[in-house]
Protein backbone atom coordinates (compact mmCIF):
# COMPACT_ATOMS: atom_id res chain seq x y z
CA MET A 1 56.53 25.96 19.96
CA PRO A 2 55.77 29.47 18.72
CA ALA A 3 58.73 31.85 18.91
CA ARG A 4 57.10 33.96 21.63
CA ARG A 5 56.85 30.91 23.94
CA ARG A 6 60.30 29.48 23.17
CA LEU A 7 62.62 29.49 26.21
CA ILE A 8 65.99 31.20 26.16
CA ASP A 9 68.96 28.86 26.05
CA LEU A 10 70.97 29.35 29.22
CA PRO A 11 74.75 28.85 29.35
CA PRO A 12 75.95 26.15 31.77
CA CYS A 13 76.75 27.28 35.33
CA GLU A 14 80.53 27.09 35.05
CA THR A 15 83.20 29.53 36.09
CA ASP A 16 84.48 30.14 32.54
CA ARG A 17 80.93 30.89 31.31
CA LEU A 18 80.08 33.54 33.93
CA GLY A 19 80.86 36.30 31.41
CA ASP A 20 78.29 34.87 28.98
CA ILE A 21 75.69 34.63 31.75
CA ALA A 22 76.34 38.24 32.76
CA ASP A 23 75.95 39.41 29.14
CA LEU A 24 72.71 37.47 28.77
CA VAL A 25 71.20 39.01 31.91
CA THR A 26 72.31 42.50 30.93
CA SER A 27 70.86 42.22 27.41
CA ALA A 28 67.52 40.94 28.75
CA LEU A 29 67.03 44.08 30.84
CA SER A 30 66.38 46.16 27.74
CA SER A 31 63.16 44.33 26.77
CA CYS A 32 60.07 43.32 28.73
CA SER A 33 59.60 40.17 26.63
CA LEU A 34 63.24 39.14 27.09
CA ARG A 35 62.99 39.64 30.86
CA GLU A 36 59.89 37.47 30.92
CA LYS A 37 61.54 34.70 28.87
CA LEU A 38 64.77 34.78 30.90
CA ALA A 39 62.91 34.63 34.24
CA LEU A 40 60.80 31.70 33.00
CA ALA A 41 63.89 29.83 31.82
CA MET A 42 65.73 30.39 35.12
CA LYS A 43 62.75 29.25 37.18
CA ARG A 44 62.12 26.06 35.14
CA LYS A 45 65.76 24.99 35.04
CA GLY A 46 66.53 25.81 38.68
CA PHE A 47 69.23 28.21 37.54
CA ILE A 48 69.52 30.31 40.69
CA PRO A 49 70.36 27.40 43.05
CA LYS A 50 73.00 26.29 40.50
CA LEU A 51 74.53 29.78 40.50
CA LEU A 52 74.62 29.76 44.29
CA GLU A 53 76.40 26.39 44.34
CA LEU A 54 78.97 27.87 41.98
CA PHE A 55 79.30 30.86 44.33
CA GLN A 56 80.16 28.54 47.24
CA ASP A 57 82.90 26.88 45.17
CA CYS A 58 84.32 30.24 44.06
CA GLU A 59 84.31 31.59 47.61
CA ARG A 60 86.13 28.51 48.92
CA SER A 61 88.76 28.82 46.18
CA GLU A 62 88.90 32.63 46.64
CA ALA A 63 88.29 33.24 42.94
CA THR A 64 87.94 37.02 43.22
CA GLU A 65 87.16 37.74 39.57
CA ALA A 66 84.43 35.10 39.46
CA LEU A 67 82.93 36.46 42.70
CA HIS A 68 82.77 39.94 41.18
CA GLN A 69 80.99 38.50 38.13
CA LEU A 70 78.52 36.67 40.34
CA HIS A 71 77.80 39.93 42.15
CA GLY A 72 76.82 41.58 38.87
CA ILE A 73 74.73 38.58 37.79
CA MET A 74 72.79 38.47 41.06
CA ARG A 75 72.08 42.19 40.94
CA GLY A 76 70.92 41.77 37.36
CA ILE A 77 68.56 38.95 38.34
CA LEU A 78 67.11 41.17 41.07
CA ASN A 79 66.67 43.87 38.46
CA LEU A 80 64.56 41.53 36.32
CA GLY A 81 61.80 42.26 38.83
CA LYS A 82 60.02 38.91 38.72
CA SER A 83 58.10 37.57 41.72
CA SER A 84 58.75 33.97 40.69
CA LEU A 85 62.49 34.59 41.10
CA PHE A 86 62.02 36.53 44.35
CA GLU A 87 60.29 33.49 45.86
CA VAL A 88 63.45 31.46 45.23
CA MET A 89 66.01 34.13 46.14
CA PHE A 90 64.37 35.06 49.46
CA SER A 91 63.79 31.48 50.60
CA GLN A 92 65.64 30.24 53.68
CA GLU A 93 67.69 27.88 51.50
CA CYS A 94 69.01 30.60 49.18
CA ILE A 95 68.94 34.00 50.87
CA MET A 96 72.29 33.76 52.67
CA ASP A 97 74.13 32.83 49.47
CA VAL A 98 72.31 35.61 47.61
CA LEU A 99 73.56 38.05 50.24
CA GLY A 100 76.98 36.46 49.89
CA CYS A 101 77.04 37.25 46.16
CA LEU A 102 76.03 40.83 46.90
CA GLU A 103 78.89 41.21 49.35
CA TYR A 104 81.53 41.04 46.60
CA ASP A 105 80.95 44.44 45.05
CA PRO A 106 83.95 45.16 42.77
CA SER A 107 83.70 48.87 43.59
CA LEU A 108 84.50 48.18 47.26
CA ALA A 109 87.96 47.50 48.64
CA GLN A 110 86.58 45.02 51.17
CA PRO A 111 83.37 42.93 51.06
CA LYS A 112 80.50 44.02 53.26
CA HIS A 113 79.33 41.57 55.91
CA HIS A 114 75.67 41.34 54.95
CA ARG A 115 75.40 37.66 55.92
CA GLN A 116 76.78 38.23 59.39
CA PHE A 117 74.36 41.05 60.09
CA ALA A 118 71.39 39.18 58.56
CA THR A 119 72.16 36.10 60.66
CA LYS A 120 72.09 38.10 63.88
CA ARG A 121 68.85 39.76 62.85
CA ALA A 122 67.31 36.42 61.91
CA GLN A 123 68.15 35.06 65.36
CA LEU A 124 66.60 38.12 66.96
CA LYS A 125 63.44 37.81 64.92
CA LYS A 126 62.83 34.40 66.43
CA ILE A 127 61.55 36.29 69.46
CA VAL A 128 58.32 36.92 67.51
CA PRO A 129 56.14 34.00 68.70
CA ILE A 130 54.93 32.66 65.33
CA ARG A 131 54.12 28.96 65.67
CA ASP A 132 52.84 28.23 62.16
CA SER A 133 55.85 27.02 60.11
CA LYS A 134 54.40 28.29 56.83
CA ILE A 135 53.84 31.76 58.29
CA GLN A 136 57.34 31.68 59.73
CA LYS A 137 58.78 31.12 56.24
CA LYS A 138 56.70 33.94 54.79
CA PHE A 139 57.76 36.20 57.65
CA HIS A 140 61.46 35.58 56.98
CA GLN A 141 60.96 36.03 53.25
CA MET A 142 59.31 39.38 53.90
CA TYR A 143 62.12 40.47 56.21
CA GLN A 144 64.88 39.47 53.79
CA ALA A 145 63.12 41.27 50.92
CA GLN A 146 62.90 44.39 53.07
CA TYR A 147 66.60 44.07 53.88
CA ILE A 148 67.51 43.80 50.20
CA ARG A 149 65.35 46.80 49.32
CA ALA A 150 66.74 48.93 52.13
CA ASN A 151 70.41 48.15 51.47
CA PHE A 152 70.60 47.95 47.70
CA LEU A 153 67.89 50.27 46.44
CA PRO A 154 69.91 53.50 46.82
CA ASN A 155 72.60 52.31 44.37
CA PRO A 156 72.43 54.43 41.19
CA ASP A 157 73.08 51.53 38.80
CA PHE A 158 69.94 49.77 40.06
CA GLY A 159 67.11 50.23 37.60
CA GLU A 160 63.59 51.34 38.46
CA ASN A 161 61.96 48.25 36.97
CA TYR A 162 62.19 45.97 39.98
CA LEU A 163 61.01 48.47 42.62
CA PRO A 164 57.20 48.17 42.26
CA ILE A 165 57.45 44.40 41.84
CA LEU A 166 59.60 43.99 44.97
CA SER A 167 57.32 46.30 46.96
CA SER A 168 54.31 44.32 45.75
CA PHE A 169 56.07 41.09 46.78
CA ILE A 170 56.66 42.46 50.30
CA ARG A 171 53.08 43.70 50.58
CA ARG A 172 51.69 40.34 49.51
CA LYS A 173 53.75 38.56 52.16
CA LYS A 174 52.52 40.99 54.80
CA GLU A 175 48.94 40.38 53.81
CA GLU A 176 49.39 36.60 53.96
CA ILE A 177 50.94 36.93 57.43
CA PHE A 178 48.29 39.32 58.69
CA ARG A 179 45.37 37.18 57.52
CA VAL A 180 46.56 34.41 59.82
CA LEU A 181 47.88 36.39 62.80
CA GLU A 182 44.92 38.78 63.08
CA LYS A 183 42.73 35.87 64.17
CA ASP A 184 45.32 34.29 66.46
CA GLU A 185 44.44 35.62 69.93
CA GLU A 186 47.08 33.44 71.56
CA PHE A 187 49.76 35.04 69.38
CA LEU A 188 48.69 38.60 70.26
CA SER A 189 48.51 37.74 73.95
CA ASP A 190 52.04 36.32 73.84
CA VAL A 191 53.33 39.49 72.16
CA PHE A 192 51.77 41.74 74.81
CA VAL A 193 53.11 39.57 77.64
CA GLN A 194 56.65 39.57 76.25
CA LEU A 195 56.57 43.32 75.66
CA THR A 196 55.68 44.09 79.27
CA ASN A 197 57.83 41.38 80.86
CA GLU A 198 60.73 42.92 82.77
CA ALA A 199 62.88 39.90 81.87
CA THR A 200 62.66 40.68 78.13
CA ALA A 201 65.96 42.04 76.80
CA GLU A 202 65.99 45.57 75.38
CA ASP A 203 66.83 44.51 71.83
CA GLU A 204 64.15 41.81 71.92
CA ARG A 205 61.55 44.28 73.19
CA LEU A 206 62.48 46.71 70.41
CA GLU A 207 62.12 43.92 67.85
CA LEU A 208 58.72 42.98 69.20
CA VAL A 209 57.35 46.52 69.35
CA ASN A 210 58.53 47.21 65.79
CA PHE A 211 56.80 44.03 64.65
CA LEU A 212 53.61 45.08 66.45
CA LYS A 213 53.88 48.50 64.79
CA ASP A 214 54.20 46.87 61.36
CA LEU A 215 51.26 44.60 62.12
CA CYS A 216 49.09 47.52 63.21
CA ASP A 217 50.14 49.66 60.25
CA PHE A 218 49.26 46.92 57.83
CA SER A 219 45.99 46.06 59.56
CA LEU A 220 44.81 49.65 59.26
CA ILE A 221 45.09 49.43 55.47
CA PHE A 222 42.25 46.91 55.29
CA TYR A 223 39.19 48.88 56.31
CA GLN A 224 36.80 45.92 56.42
CA ARG A 225 38.95 43.95 58.87
CA ARG A 226 40.42 46.90 60.75
CA GLU A 227 37.63 47.29 63.29
CA LYS A 228 37.64 43.62 64.28
CA PHE A 229 41.41 43.62 64.65
CA LEU A 230 41.37 46.75 66.84
CA GLN A 231 38.55 45.38 69.02
CA ARG A 232 40.39 42.09 69.45
CA SER A 233 43.64 43.90 70.28
CA ALA A 234 41.87 46.15 72.80
CA LYS A 235 40.29 43.12 74.48
CA LEU A 236 43.69 41.41 74.75
CA GLY A 237 45.39 44.47 76.27
CA ILE A 238 47.12 46.57 73.62
CA LEU A 239 46.37 49.87 75.39
CA PRO A 240 47.76 48.88 78.83
CA THR A 241 50.78 47.52 76.96
CA LEU A 242 51.34 50.82 75.14
CA GLU A 243 50.91 52.67 78.42
CA ILE A 244 53.84 50.73 79.90
CA LEU A 245 56.01 51.04 76.76
CA ILE A 246 55.54 54.81 76.44
CA GLY A 247 56.73 55.21 80.02
CA MET A 248 59.97 53.24 79.46
CA ASP A 249 63.46 54.75 79.26
CA ASP A 250 64.33 53.21 75.88
CA LEU A 251 63.84 56.02 73.35
CA GLN A 252 63.31 53.69 70.38
CA VAL A 253 60.73 51.56 72.19
CA ARG A 254 58.97 54.69 73.39
CA ALA A 255 58.91 56.19 69.88
CA ALA A 256 57.50 53.02 68.31
CA ALA A 257 54.81 52.73 71.01
CA THR A 258 53.88 56.39 70.49
CA ASP A 259 53.54 55.76 66.75
CA ILE A 260 51.15 52.87 67.43
CA LEU A 261 49.05 54.95 69.85
CA SER A 262 48.96 57.84 67.38
CA ASP A 263 47.69 55.53 64.63
CA LEU A 264 45.03 54.12 66.95
CA MET A 265 43.94 57.67 67.80
CA ASP A 266 43.64 58.51 64.11
CA PHE A 267 41.59 55.45 63.17
CA CYS A 268 39.70 54.67 66.37
CA PRO A 269 39.86 57.56 68.88
CA PHE A 270 36.71 56.50 70.74
CA MET A 271 38.25 53.19 71.75
CA VAL A 272 41.24 54.96 73.33
CA GLN A 273 39.09 57.65 74.96
CA GLU A 274 36.80 55.05 76.50
CA PHE A 275 39.85 53.32 77.96
CA VAL A 276 41.19 56.63 79.34
CA MET A 277 37.87 57.54 80.94
CA LYS A 278 37.64 54.13 82.62
CA GLU A 279 41.14 54.63 84.01
CA ALA A 280 40.14 58.05 85.34
CA GLN A 281 37.64 56.30 87.64
CA GLN A 282 40.34 54.20 89.25
CA SER A 283 41.80 55.06 92.65
CA ASP A 284 45.41 55.46 91.45
CA PRO A 285 45.64 58.36 88.96
CA ASP A 286 49.43 58.07 88.44
CA THR A 287 49.25 54.98 86.26
CA ASP A 288 46.76 56.16 83.66
CA LEU A 289 47.62 56.55 79.99
CA ILE A 290 46.94 60.28 79.80
CA SER A 291 49.28 61.02 82.72
CA VAL A 292 52.02 58.94 81.11
CA VAL A 293 51.67 60.89 77.85
CA ILE A 294 51.80 64.23 79.70
CA GLU A 295 54.89 63.16 81.62
CA GLN A 296 56.67 62.19 78.40
CA LEU A 297 55.70 65.49 76.79
CA ILE A 298 57.07 67.71 79.56
CA CYS A 299 60.19 65.55 79.94
CA HIS A 300 60.89 64.94 76.24
CA SER A 301 64.62 65.04 75.54
CA ASP A 302 64.11 66.68 72.13
CA PRO A 303 60.95 68.84 72.06
CA GLU A 304 61.82 69.98 68.55
CA SER A 305 61.48 66.44 67.21
CA GLY A 306 58.33 65.07 65.67
CA GLY A 307 57.84 62.81 68.70
CA ALA A 308 57.00 65.72 71.00
CA GLU A 309 54.53 67.17 68.48
CA GLN A 310 53.04 63.71 68.13
CA LEU A 311 52.48 63.46 71.89
CA MET A 312 50.77 66.85 71.88
CA ASP A 313 48.47 65.77 69.04
CA VAL A 314 47.61 62.58 70.94
CA LEU A 315 46.70 64.63 74.01
CA CYS A 316 44.55 67.03 71.98
CA THR A 317 42.65 64.10 70.48
CA LEU A 318 42.22 62.44 73.88
CA ILE A 319 40.64 65.53 75.45
CA ASP A 320 38.65 66.69 72.42
CA PRO A 321 35.08 67.01 73.81
CA GLY A 322 33.56 66.28 70.40
CA ASN A 323 35.20 62.88 70.34
CA LEU A 324 34.57 62.26 74.05
CA LEU A 325 30.83 62.71 73.66
CA ARG A 326 30.81 59.96 71.06
CA ALA A 327 32.61 57.61 73.45
CA ALA A 328 30.52 58.30 76.57
CA GLU A 329 27.53 60.14 77.99
CA ALA A 330 27.75 63.79 79.01
CA PRO A 331 28.01 63.07 82.80
CA GLN A 332 30.95 60.73 82.17
CA VAL A 333 32.68 63.33 80.01
CA PHE A 334 32.16 65.97 82.72
CA GLU A 335 33.62 63.60 85.30
CA PHE A 336 36.60 62.89 83.06
CA LEU A 337 37.28 66.60 82.53
CA ASN A 338 37.12 67.14 86.29
CA PHE A 339 39.73 64.42 86.65
CA PHE A 340 41.88 65.99 83.91
CA TYR A 341 41.79 69.48 85.44
CA THR A 342 42.33 68.16 88.95
CA CYS A 343 45.09 65.61 88.41
CA CYS A 344 46.63 66.13 84.97
CA ILE A 345 46.75 69.76 83.94
CA PRO A 346 48.61 70.92 87.08
CA VAL A 347 51.45 68.63 85.97
CA LEU A 348 51.26 70.08 82.47
CA THR A 349 51.44 73.70 83.66
CA ALA A 350 54.14 73.12 86.28
CA PRO A 351 57.00 73.95 83.83
CA ILE A 352 55.39 77.33 83.10
CA SER A 353 55.20 78.20 86.79
CA ALA A 354 58.77 77.00 87.29
CA ASN A 355 60.27 78.95 84.37
CA ALA A 356 58.16 82.14 84.40
CA THR A 357 58.52 83.72 87.82
CA GLU A 358 56.71 87.02 88.15
CA GLY A 359 58.44 89.85 86.32
CA THR A 360 61.26 87.79 84.79
CA CYS A 361 61.72 85.41 81.88
CA GLU A 362 65.32 84.23 81.79
CA ILE A 363 65.00 81.05 79.72
CA ASP A 364 68.34 80.49 77.99
CA ASN A 365 67.88 76.80 77.27
CA TYR A 366 66.45 76.38 73.77
CA GLN A 367 64.99 72.95 74.54
CA VAL A 368 63.15 74.29 77.59
CA ALA A 369 61.70 77.09 75.47
CA LYS A 370 60.48 74.63 72.82
CA ARG A 371 58.87 72.49 75.51
CA LEU A 372 57.05 75.51 76.96
CA ALA A 373 55.87 76.49 73.48
CA LEU A 374 54.34 73.04 72.98
CA ILE A 375 52.61 73.24 76.36
CA LEU A 376 51.16 76.63 75.44
CA LYS A 377 49.78 75.20 72.20
CA LEU A 378 47.97 72.53 74.17
CA LEU A 379 46.68 75.06 76.72
CA THR A 380 45.39 77.24 73.89
CA PHE A 381 43.45 74.23 72.63
CA CYS A 382 41.98 73.79 76.12
CA VAL A 383 40.94 77.47 76.29
CA GLU A 384 38.96 77.05 73.09
CA TRP A 385 37.31 73.68 73.77
CA HIS A 386 37.07 73.45 77.59
CA LYS A 387 35.81 76.97 78.23
CA GLU A 388 34.36 76.58 81.73
CA HIS A 389 36.92 74.14 83.12
CA MET A 390 39.87 76.07 81.70
CA ARG A 391 38.52 79.45 82.81
CA HIS A 392 38.15 78.21 86.37
CA TYR A 393 41.66 76.77 86.32
CA ILE A 394 43.30 79.90 84.86
CA ILE A 395 41.61 82.29 87.27
CA SER A 396 42.00 80.13 90.38
CA ARG A 397 45.71 79.48 89.66
CA ASP A 398 46.41 82.97 88.25
CA LEU A 399 47.99 81.20 85.27
CA LEU A 400 47.69 84.09 82.85
CA ARG A 401 50.10 86.19 84.92
CA ARG A 402 52.78 83.55 84.32
CA VAL A 403 52.05 83.37 80.61
CA VAL A 404 52.28 87.15 80.26
CA VAL A 405 55.85 86.95 81.53
CA LEU A 406 56.75 84.59 78.67
CA MET A 407 55.99 87.40 76.21
CA ASN A 408 59.37 88.87 77.21
CA SER A 409 61.28 85.74 76.23
CA LYS A 410 64.25 86.17 73.91
CA HIS A 411 62.94 83.13 72.01
CA THR A 412 60.53 84.58 69.45
CA PHE A 413 58.58 81.34 68.96
CA LEU A 414 57.86 81.14 72.71
CA ALA A 415 56.68 84.75 72.84
CA LEU A 416 54.41 84.12 69.86
CA ASN A 417 52.82 81.08 71.50
CA ALA A 418 52.28 83.06 74.70
CA PHE A 419 50.62 85.80 72.66
CA GLN A 420 48.36 83.30 70.88
CA PHE A 421 47.26 81.99 74.28
CA ILE A 422 46.38 85.48 75.53
CA LYS A 423 44.73 86.40 72.23
CA LYS A 424 42.54 83.29 72.40
CA ILE A 425 41.33 84.27 75.90
CA ILE A 426 40.50 87.86 74.95
CA GLY A 427 38.88 86.66 71.70
CA LEU A 428 36.30 84.70 73.74
CA ARG A 429 34.86 88.07 74.98
CA ASP A 430 34.12 86.45 78.30
CA GLU A 431 33.42 89.05 81.00
CA LEU A 432 34.74 86.78 83.73
CA TYR A 433 38.06 86.68 81.93
CA ASN A 434 37.88 90.44 81.33
CA CYS A 435 37.28 91.18 85.00
CA TYR A 436 40.14 88.86 85.96
CA ILE A 437 42.49 90.65 83.54
CA ALA A 438 41.38 94.10 84.73
CA GLN A 439 41.57 93.29 88.45
CA GLY A 440 45.01 91.77 88.01
CA ASN A 441 46.13 94.66 85.78
CA LEU A 442 47.59 92.02 83.47
CA LEU A 443 47.74 94.24 80.38
CA GLU A 444 49.99 96.87 81.98
CA PRO A 445 53.27 95.03 81.16
CA PHE A 446 52.32 95.10 77.47
CA LEU A 447 51.39 98.78 77.46
CA TYR A 448 54.45 99.74 79.48
CA ALA A 449 56.66 97.92 76.97
CA VAL A 450 55.02 99.80 74.07
CA LEU A 451 55.75 103.16 75.74
CA GLU A 452 59.33 102.09 76.41
CA ASN A 453 59.98 100.92 72.83
CA GLY A 454 58.47 104.01 71.20
CA ALA A 455 58.07 103.81 67.45
CA VAL A 456 60.66 101.04 67.13
CA TYR A 457 59.02 97.93 65.64
CA HIS A 458 59.02 95.11 68.12
CA LEU A 459 57.18 91.80 68.39
CA LEU A 460 55.58 92.93 71.63
CA THR A 461 54.48 96.24 70.09
CA SER A 462 52.71 94.55 67.19
CA SER A 463 51.14 92.05 69.59
CA VAL A 464 49.73 94.84 71.78
CA ILE A 465 48.31 96.57 68.72
CA GLU A 466 46.58 93.37 67.69
CA LEU A 467 45.21 92.80 71.20
CA LEU A 468 43.81 96.32 71.44
CA GLU A 469 42.13 95.96 68.07
CA LEU A 470 40.56 92.74 69.36
CA ILE A 471 39.39 94.47 72.54
CA LYS A 472 37.82 97.30 70.52
CA LEU A 473 35.68 94.78 68.64
CA GLY A 474 33.99 93.61 71.85
CA ASP A 475 30.57 95.06 72.70
CA GLY A 476 30.24 96.27 76.28
CA ASN A 477 33.73 95.01 77.04
CA SER A 478 34.85 95.98 80.54
CA LEU A 479 38.46 95.92 79.35
CA ILE A 480 37.76 99.04 77.28
CA GLY A 481 36.67 100.89 80.41
CA HIS A 482 39.69 99.61 82.29
CA LEU A 483 42.08 100.82 79.60
CA VAL A 484 40.40 104.22 79.21
CA GLU A 485 40.29 104.93 82.93
CA ASN A 486 43.90 103.97 83.50
CA PHE A 487 45.95 104.25 80.32
CA CYS A 488 44.19 106.30 77.62
CA GLN A 489 46.17 109.52 78.18
CA ALA A 490 49.51 107.73 78.04
CA LEU A 491 48.49 105.74 74.98
CA GLY A 492 47.14 108.90 73.39
CA THR A 493 50.70 110.17 73.10
CA ILE A 494 51.40 107.40 70.58
CA ASP A 495 50.83 108.83 67.12
CA TYR A 496 52.56 106.29 64.90
CA VAL A 497 49.51 103.98 64.75
CA GLN A 498 45.75 104.61 64.80
CA THR A 499 44.90 101.70 67.07
CA PHE A 500 44.80 103.42 70.42
CA GLY A 501 41.58 105.38 69.93
CA LEU A 502 39.68 103.58 72.68
CA ASN A 503 38.16 106.65 74.36
CA PRO A 504 35.46 107.43 71.70
CA ARG A 505 34.27 103.83 71.82
CA HIS A 506 34.17 103.92 75.61
CA GLU A 507 32.23 107.22 75.65
CA LYS A 508 29.71 105.83 73.18
CA GLU A 509 29.13 102.72 75.29
CA LYS A 510 28.96 104.81 78.46
CA HIS A 511 26.34 107.07 76.87
CA GLN A 512 24.31 104.05 75.77
CA GLN A 513 24.45 102.62 79.29
CA GLU A 514 23.27 105.94 80.79
CA GLN A 515 20.36 106.09 78.34
CA THR A 516 19.38 102.55 79.29
CA VAL A 517 19.47 103.40 83.00
CA ASN A 518 17.49 106.65 82.54
CA SER A 519 14.83 104.88 80.49
CA VAL A 520 13.98 102.57 83.41
CA PRO A 521 11.21 103.93 85.72
CA CYS A 522 12.38 104.79 89.21
CA CYS A 523 11.35 102.17 91.74
CA GLY A 524 13.29 103.27 94.76
CA SER A 525 16.94 103.74 95.34
CA SER A 526 17.82 100.48 93.65
CA SER A 527 16.64 101.79 90.24
CA LYS A 528 19.35 104.46 90.20
CA ALA A 529 22.15 102.16 91.19
CA ALA A 530 24.67 101.70 88.42
CA THR A 531 26.13 98.37 87.54
CA PRO A 532 29.10 97.93 89.88
CA ARG A 533 32.44 98.02 88.11
CA PRO A 534 35.00 95.42 89.15
CA ALA A 535 37.79 96.66 91.30
CA VAL A 536 40.89 97.61 89.31
CA ALA A 537 44.28 97.09 90.82
CA ALA A 538 46.40 100.26 90.82
CA PRO A 539 48.92 100.20 87.99
CA LYS A 540 52.42 101.53 88.18
CA ARG A 541 52.74 105.19 89.19
CA ARG A 542 54.25 106.26 85.88
CA LEU A 543 51.26 105.12 83.85
CA ARG A 544 48.69 106.26 86.43
CA GLU A 545 49.90 109.88 86.35
CA ASP A 546 49.60 110.01 82.55
CA CYS A 547 46.25 108.29 82.17
CA THR A 548 43.67 110.89 83.25
CA ASP A 549 40.73 111.39 80.92
CA ASP A 550 40.53 114.97 79.59
CA GLU A 551 36.93 115.63 80.54
CA ASP A 552 37.40 114.19 84.06
CA GLN A 553 40.50 116.26 84.97
CA SER A 554 38.64 118.73 87.16
CA ASN A 555 36.96 115.95 89.19
CA THR A 556 40.26 114.18 89.53
CA ALA A 557 41.91 117.35 90.78
CA LYS A 558 39.19 117.74 93.42
CA ARG A 559 39.73 114.16 94.54
CA LYS A 560 43.48 114.77 94.86
CA ARG A 561 43.31 118.03 96.91
CA PRO A 562 42.49 116.41 100.27
CA ARG A 563 45.34 113.98 99.84
CA LYS A 564 47.73 116.89 99.04
CA ARG A 565 46.71 118.68 102.23
């Protein structure tokens, strides 16, 4: 045979030759050709099973030095990074002895119990209802390879050579498993039944939901087969299953189910939205998916975690009107939004009403503040994309008054989210919103705080400046008139910024309105009637006394004389 095809001569598997075997494996790691030749020789001569038989003898005789040598040899064989050897090492016949070799790390005072843990996990994984014996073997090979990678990869003496090969080995096993299970409707039905069965133990349910998560993750990689798999899963009940799992008390099960739903929303949002809209037509609104997600969001034990943000993103995708219109006709979308604003959003805004009583904002709990900040982010999304429904809800429930209170929170992030909510409303330049804000005198707390703080920089001060700049940009904005008539004199005393010059803009608009009215031919008394201004609630006395327009002082004085008498 040519030299490049000649096999390496392997030492016999004997205790006194373990040093030679270790040296051979170590020397082969320095060359790609030597690794290839050594792996081929080991595979053809059945060398790994012989080493594992020797390991059993050494363990029975408690030959510590030999066990340490076998540990190094087995790690070296793993480091060769050859799939042909992985097939042998991760087989059911060999894997436990391979783990046994890896337990005897000479750097540790006591061996680790990898076999004991792997045995328990293997028993637990039998809960996955795979009937095909070949697929079962591949499934266990994949699991054991993942276990080896997770537990031995971080060691610094492990080379980088084997990593892509081992990852490729695991991926190939997953693909072989998926190709069979994706078409097995009986298998998927059994998984969904076991997941929702109250008799299923908690650890078994966690094992099943993690397997389903892996299956869904892997299925989404293959674009051509992804749609068929998702349609088949939807038909068999994956969404009702996730609805039940997300509502469970087990945090790990809930997190895994949320991950699956989030992936489905990313790859196939219309399928989930169609399911949610069908549920909205049912008579019992407390068992629908969207209500379950909202409940988990407002009750999340750790709002700062990624899970809470993930739930918020899921909700935003579910109620995105752009996506909804692709899943249903406009009348159905309108009906769904009516359901959402009637049954769901009151639950979502309840924590704001509970924690922001009028005039006070004493939220000491950091977790509560984070939860409220997340809710405000979602409400800001609704203001932008559900303009009519959200406007009706805010005005009818006087929600903005509660949000204004949150601007005084000692938690800066909560105050910022409250400000973004208010800024989004004013940025719409909607006169119905403007009249609501003016009639409720909802800007006075901001302006009062600016006067109290003076020139001292404060989050609220900068927020008010930004809001007033936004109001000044609006054409024909009734808020400008409201501010000029009630607060311009007091705000005129502030000379450390140039933002508060609202009066010239108001006078210009007033002059334009008068010219428009005068240019219309008189047709009776109705032609001279000015556009009625919305009623403005009286602000606090302190601001009212300071807010008289210069050129209207004489008229104001005349109006006050009868009251003084």
